[in-house]
């Protein structure tokens, strides 16, 4: 392994650590929202909100990752969030 590749991989490791932390922080909010929805008898899914999220993340994406790539990642995050909110 070249030192240059190893240096980039170390940077990737740090980014992955941050992503894990942010995903878990987001999950805490998702769990709280799920509690409120169940308490208030609100539906867990909200197609309008989901589409708003997907459009927003695509619009905020500066690249070089494609908008479709970003949308697909967030589709999975939303899918898992719905499972968690459902309790």
N, C-alpha and C. Protein backbone atom coordinates (compact mmCIF):
# COMPACT_ATOMS: atom_id res chain seq x y z
N UNK A 1 0.84 -1.18 0.00
CA UNK A 1 0.00 0.00 0.00
C UNK A 1 0.89 1.24 0.00
N UNK A 2 0.56 2.16 -0.87
CA UNK A 2 1.36 3.38 -0.91
C UNK A 2 0.98 4.29 0.26
N UNK A 3 1.91 5.11 0.70
CA UNK A 3 1.60 6.04 1.80
C UNK A 3 0.46 6.99 1.42
N UNK A 4 0.39 7.37 0.17
CA UNK A 4 -0.66 8.29 -0.28
C UNK A 4 -2.05 7.63 -0.14
N UNK A 5 -2.15 6.38 -0.58
CA UNK A 5 -3.42 5.66 -0.44
C UNK A 5 -3.78 5.49 1.03
N UNK A 6 -2.79 5.13 1.83
CA UNK A 6 -3.04 4.93 3.26
C UNK A 6 -3.52 6.23 3.91
N UNK A 7 -2.96 7.35 3.52
CA UNK A 7 -3.38 8.65 4.07
C UNK A 7 -4.83 8.94 3.71
N UNK A 8 -5.22 8.65 2.47
CA UNK A 8 -6.61 8.86 2.06
C UNK A 8 -7.54 7.90 2.80
N UNK A 9 -7.11 6.69 3.00
CA UNK A 9 -7.94 5.72 3.72
C UNK A 9 -8.13 6.13 5.17
N UNK A 10 -7.13 6.71 5.77
CA UNK A 10 -7.27 7.21 7.14
C UNK A 10 -8.31 8.35 7.19
N UNK A 11 -8.28 9.20 6.17
CA UNK A 11 -9.27 10.27 6.09
C UNK A 11 -10.67 9.69 5.92
N UNK A 12 -10.79 8.65 5.10
CA UNK A 12 -12.08 7.99 4.93
C UNK A 12 -12.57 7.39 6.24
N UNK A 13 -11.67 6.79 6.99
CA UNK A 13 -12.04 6.22 8.29
C UNK A 13 -12.63 7.29 9.21
N UNK A 14 -12.01 8.47 9.22
CA UNK A 14 -12.51 9.56 10.06
C UNK A 14 -13.90 10.02 9.62
N UNK A 15 -14.09 10.10 8.32
CA UNK A 15 -15.40 10.50 7.79
C UNK A 15 -16.45 9.45 8.14
N UNK A 16 -16.09 8.18 8.01
CA UNK A 16 -17.02 7.11 8.36
C UNK A 16 -17.39 7.16 9.83
N UNK A 17 -16.43 7.46 10.68
CA UNK A 17 -16.71 7.61 12.11
C UNK A 17 -17.71 8.75 12.35
N UNK A 18 -17.53 9.86 11.65
CA UNK A 18 -18.44 10.99 11.78
C UNK A 18 -19.85 10.62 11.29
N UNK A 19 -19.89 9.91 10.16
CA UNK A 19 -21.19 9.48 9.62
C UNK A 19 -21.93 8.59 10.62
N UNK A 20 -21.22 7.68 11.23
CA UNK A 20 -21.83 6.80 12.23
C UNK A 20 -22.40 7.64 13.38
N UNK A 21 -21.63 8.57 13.85
CA UNK A 21 -22.08 9.44 14.94
C UNK A 21 -23.32 10.23 14.53
N UNK A 22 -23.31 10.81 13.34
CA UNK A 22 -24.44 11.60 12.86
C UNK A 22 -25.68 10.73 12.65
N UNK A 23 -25.50 9.53 12.12
CA UNK A 23 -26.63 8.63 11.93
C UNK A 23 -27.26 8.26 13.27
N UNK A 24 -26.44 8.03 14.26
CA UNK A 24 -26.97 7.70 15.58
C UNK A 24 -27.63 8.91 16.24
N UNK A 25 -27.10 10.08 16.02
CA UNK A 25 -27.74 11.30 16.53
C UNK A 25 -29.12 11.47 15.87
N UNK A 26 -29.17 11.27 14.56
CA UNK A 26 -30.44 11.36 13.83
C UNK A 26 -31.43 10.32 14.35
N UNK A 27 -30.93 9.12 14.63
CA UNK A 27 -31.78 8.04 15.12
C UNK A 27 -32.42 8.41 16.46
N UNK A 28 -31.70 9.09 17.32
CA UNK A 28 -32.27 9.52 18.59
C UNK A 28 -33.50 10.41 18.36
N UNK A 29 -33.41 11.33 17.40
CA UNK A 29 -34.54 12.19 17.08
C UNK A 29 -35.69 11.39 16.47
N UNK A 30 -35.35 10.44 15.61
CA UNK A 30 -36.36 9.58 14.99
C UNK A 30 -37.14 8.83 16.07
N UNK A 31 -36.42 8.29 17.05
CA UNK A 31 -37.08 7.55 18.13
C UNK A 31 -38.01 8.45 18.93
N UNK A 32 -37.59 9.68 19.18
CA UNK A 32 -38.44 10.63 19.90
C UNK A 32 -39.68 10.98 19.09
N UNK A 33 -39.50 11.20 17.80
CA UNK A 33 -40.64 11.50 16.93
C UNK A 33 -41.61 10.32 16.92
N UNK A 34 -41.07 9.10 16.86
CA UNK A 34 -41.91 7.91 16.89
C UNK A 34 -42.75 7.83 18.15
N UNK A 35 -42.16 8.16 19.29
CA UNK A 35 -42.90 8.16 20.56
C UNK A 35 -44.07 9.15 20.50
N UNK A 36 -43.78 10.34 19.99
CA UNK A 36 -44.82 11.37 19.90
C UNK A 36 -45.93 10.92 18.95
N UNK A 37 -45.55 10.37 17.80
CA UNK A 37 -46.56 9.93 16.83
C UNK A 37 -47.45 8.85 17.43
N UNK A 38 -46.86 7.89 18.13
CA UNK A 38 -47.67 6.83 18.74
C UNK A 38 -48.58 7.40 19.83
N UNK A 39 -48.05 8.30 20.63
CA UNK A 39 -48.82 8.92 21.71
C UNK A 39 -50.00 9.72 21.15
N UNK A 40 -49.76 10.43 20.06
CA UNK A 40 -50.78 11.28 19.46
C UNK A 40 -51.66 10.54 18.45
N UNK A 41 -51.33 9.27 18.20
CA UNK A 41 -52.11 8.50 17.23
C UNK A 41 -51.90 8.94 15.80
N UNK A 42 -50.73 9.48 15.52
CA UNK A 42 -50.40 9.96 14.17
C UNK A 42 -49.81 8.84 13.34
N UNK A 43 -49.98 8.92 12.03
CA UNK A 43 -49.39 7.88 11.17
C UNK A 43 -47.86 7.97 11.21
N UNK A 44 -47.22 6.81 11.12
CA UNK A 44 -45.76 6.76 11.13
C UNK A 44 -45.20 7.29 9.81
N UNK A 45 -45.82 6.91 8.72
CA UNK A 45 -45.31 7.34 7.42
C UNK A 45 -45.95 8.64 6.97
N UNK A 46 -45.18 9.42 6.23
CA UNK A 46 -45.64 10.69 5.69
C UNK A 46 -44.97 10.87 4.34
N UNK A 47 -45.66 10.43 3.29
CA UNK A 47 -45.07 10.42 1.94
C UNK A 47 -44.64 11.82 1.51
N UNK A 48 -45.42 12.84 1.88
CA UNK A 48 -45.07 14.21 1.51
C UNK A 48 -43.75 14.62 2.16
N UNK A 49 -43.59 14.31 3.45
CA UNK A 49 -42.35 14.64 4.16
C UNK A 49 -41.18 13.88 3.55
N UNK A 50 -41.38 12.62 3.23
CA UNK A 50 -40.31 11.81 2.64
C UNK A 50 -39.84 12.41 1.32
N UNK A 51 -40.79 12.81 0.48
CA UNK A 51 -40.43 13.40 -0.81
C UNK A 51 -39.73 14.74 -0.61
N UNK A 52 -40.18 15.51 0.38
CA UNK A 52 -39.53 16.79 0.70
C UNK A 52 -38.07 16.57 1.09
N UNK A 53 -37.83 15.56 1.92
CA UNK A 53 -36.45 15.24 2.33
C UNK A 53 -35.61 14.88 1.12
N UNK A 54 -36.12 13.99 0.28
CA UNK A 54 -35.36 13.53 -0.88
C UNK A 54 -35.06 14.67 -1.85
N UNK A 55 -36.02 15.54 -2.06
CA UNK A 55 -35.79 16.69 -2.93
C UNK A 55 -34.78 17.66 -2.32
N UNK A 56 -34.91 17.88 -1.00
CA UNK A 56 -34.00 18.82 -0.33
C UNK A 56 -32.56 18.33 -0.38
N UNK A 57 -32.33 17.04 -0.08
CA UNK A 57 -30.95 16.56 -0.08
C UNK A 57 -30.35 16.57 -1.48
N UNK A 58 -31.17 16.31 -2.49
CA UNK A 58 -30.67 16.38 -3.86
C UNK A 58 -30.32 17.81 -4.24
N UNK A 59 -31.15 18.76 -3.82
CA UNK A 59 -30.89 20.17 -4.13
C UNK A 59 -29.66 20.69 -3.41
N UNK A 60 -29.43 20.20 -2.20
CA UNK A 60 -28.28 20.67 -1.40
C UNK A 60 -26.98 20.00 -1.81
N UNK A 61 -27.06 18.94 -2.59
CA UNK A 61 -25.88 18.18 -2.98
C UNK A 61 -25.00 18.97 -3.95
N UNK A 62 -23.78 19.33 -3.53
CA UNK A 62 -22.89 20.07 -4.42
C UNK A 62 -22.08 19.17 -5.35
N UNK A 63 -22.16 17.84 -5.16
CA UNK A 63 -21.35 16.93 -5.96
C UNK A 63 -19.97 16.79 -5.36
N UNK A 64 -19.16 15.89 -5.80
CA UNK A 64 -19.29 15.14 -7.04
C UNK A 64 -20.21 13.92 -6.95
N UNK A 65 -20.73 13.58 -5.79
CA UNK A 65 -21.70 12.49 -5.71
C UNK A 65 -22.95 12.90 -6.50
N UNK A 66 -23.52 11.95 -7.22
CA UNK A 66 -24.71 12.27 -8.01
C UNK A 66 -25.91 12.48 -7.10
N UNK A 67 -26.87 13.25 -7.59
CA UNK A 67 -28.10 13.47 -6.83
C UNK A 67 -28.81 12.14 -6.59
N UNK A 68 -28.80 11.26 -7.57
CA UNK A 68 -29.45 9.96 -7.42
C UNK A 68 -28.79 9.13 -6.32
N UNK A 69 -27.49 9.17 -6.25
CA UNK A 69 -26.76 8.46 -5.19
C UNK A 69 -27.19 8.98 -3.81
N UNK A 70 -27.23 10.28 -3.66
CA UNK A 70 -27.62 10.90 -2.40
C UNK A 70 -29.07 10.55 -2.07
N UNK A 71 -29.94 10.63 -3.06
CA UNK A 71 -31.35 10.26 -2.84
C UNK A 71 -31.48 8.80 -2.39
N UNK A 72 -30.74 7.91 -3.02
CA UNK A 72 -30.82 6.48 -2.66
C UNK A 72 -30.35 6.24 -1.23
N UNK A 73 -29.31 6.91 -0.82
CA UNK A 73 -28.84 6.78 0.57
C UNK A 73 -29.93 7.24 1.53
N UNK A 74 -30.54 8.38 1.22
CA UNK A 74 -31.57 8.90 2.11
C UNK A 74 -32.85 8.07 2.06
N UNK A 75 -33.14 7.45 0.92
CA UNK A 75 -34.28 6.53 0.88
C UNK A 75 -34.08 5.41 1.89
N UNK A 76 -32.87 4.88 1.95
CA UNK A 76 -32.57 3.81 2.91
C UNK A 76 -32.65 4.34 4.34
N UNK A 77 -32.13 5.52 4.59
CA UNK A 77 -32.20 6.11 5.92
C UNK A 77 -33.66 6.29 6.34
N UNK A 78 -34.50 6.78 5.42
CA UNK A 78 -35.92 6.96 5.72
C UNK A 78 -36.59 5.61 5.98
N UNK A 79 -36.28 4.62 5.16
CA UNK A 79 -36.85 3.28 5.34
C UNK A 79 -36.54 2.73 6.74
N UNK A 80 -35.29 2.86 7.15
CA UNK A 80 -34.89 2.38 8.48
C UNK A 80 -35.52 3.23 9.59
N UNK A 81 -35.66 4.52 9.34
CA UNK A 81 -36.29 5.42 10.31
C UNK A 81 -37.74 5.02 10.55
N UNK A 82 -38.44 4.68 9.50
CA UNK A 82 -39.84 4.26 9.62
C UNK A 82 -39.93 2.99 10.47
N UNK A 83 -39.00 2.06 10.25
CA UNK A 83 -38.98 0.84 11.06
C UNK A 83 -38.77 1.18 12.53
N UNK A 84 -37.85 2.10 12.81
CA UNK A 84 -37.56 2.48 14.19
C UNK A 84 -38.72 3.23 14.82
N UNK A 85 -39.35 4.14 14.07
CA UNK A 85 -40.48 4.90 14.58
C UNK A 85 -41.65 3.98 14.92
N UNK A 86 -41.76 2.90 14.19
CA UNK A 86 -42.87 1.98 14.39
C UNK A 86 -42.77 1.26 15.73
N UNK A 87 -41.56 1.26 16.28
CA UNK A 87 -41.34 0.65 17.59
C UNK A 87 -41.29 -0.81 17.46
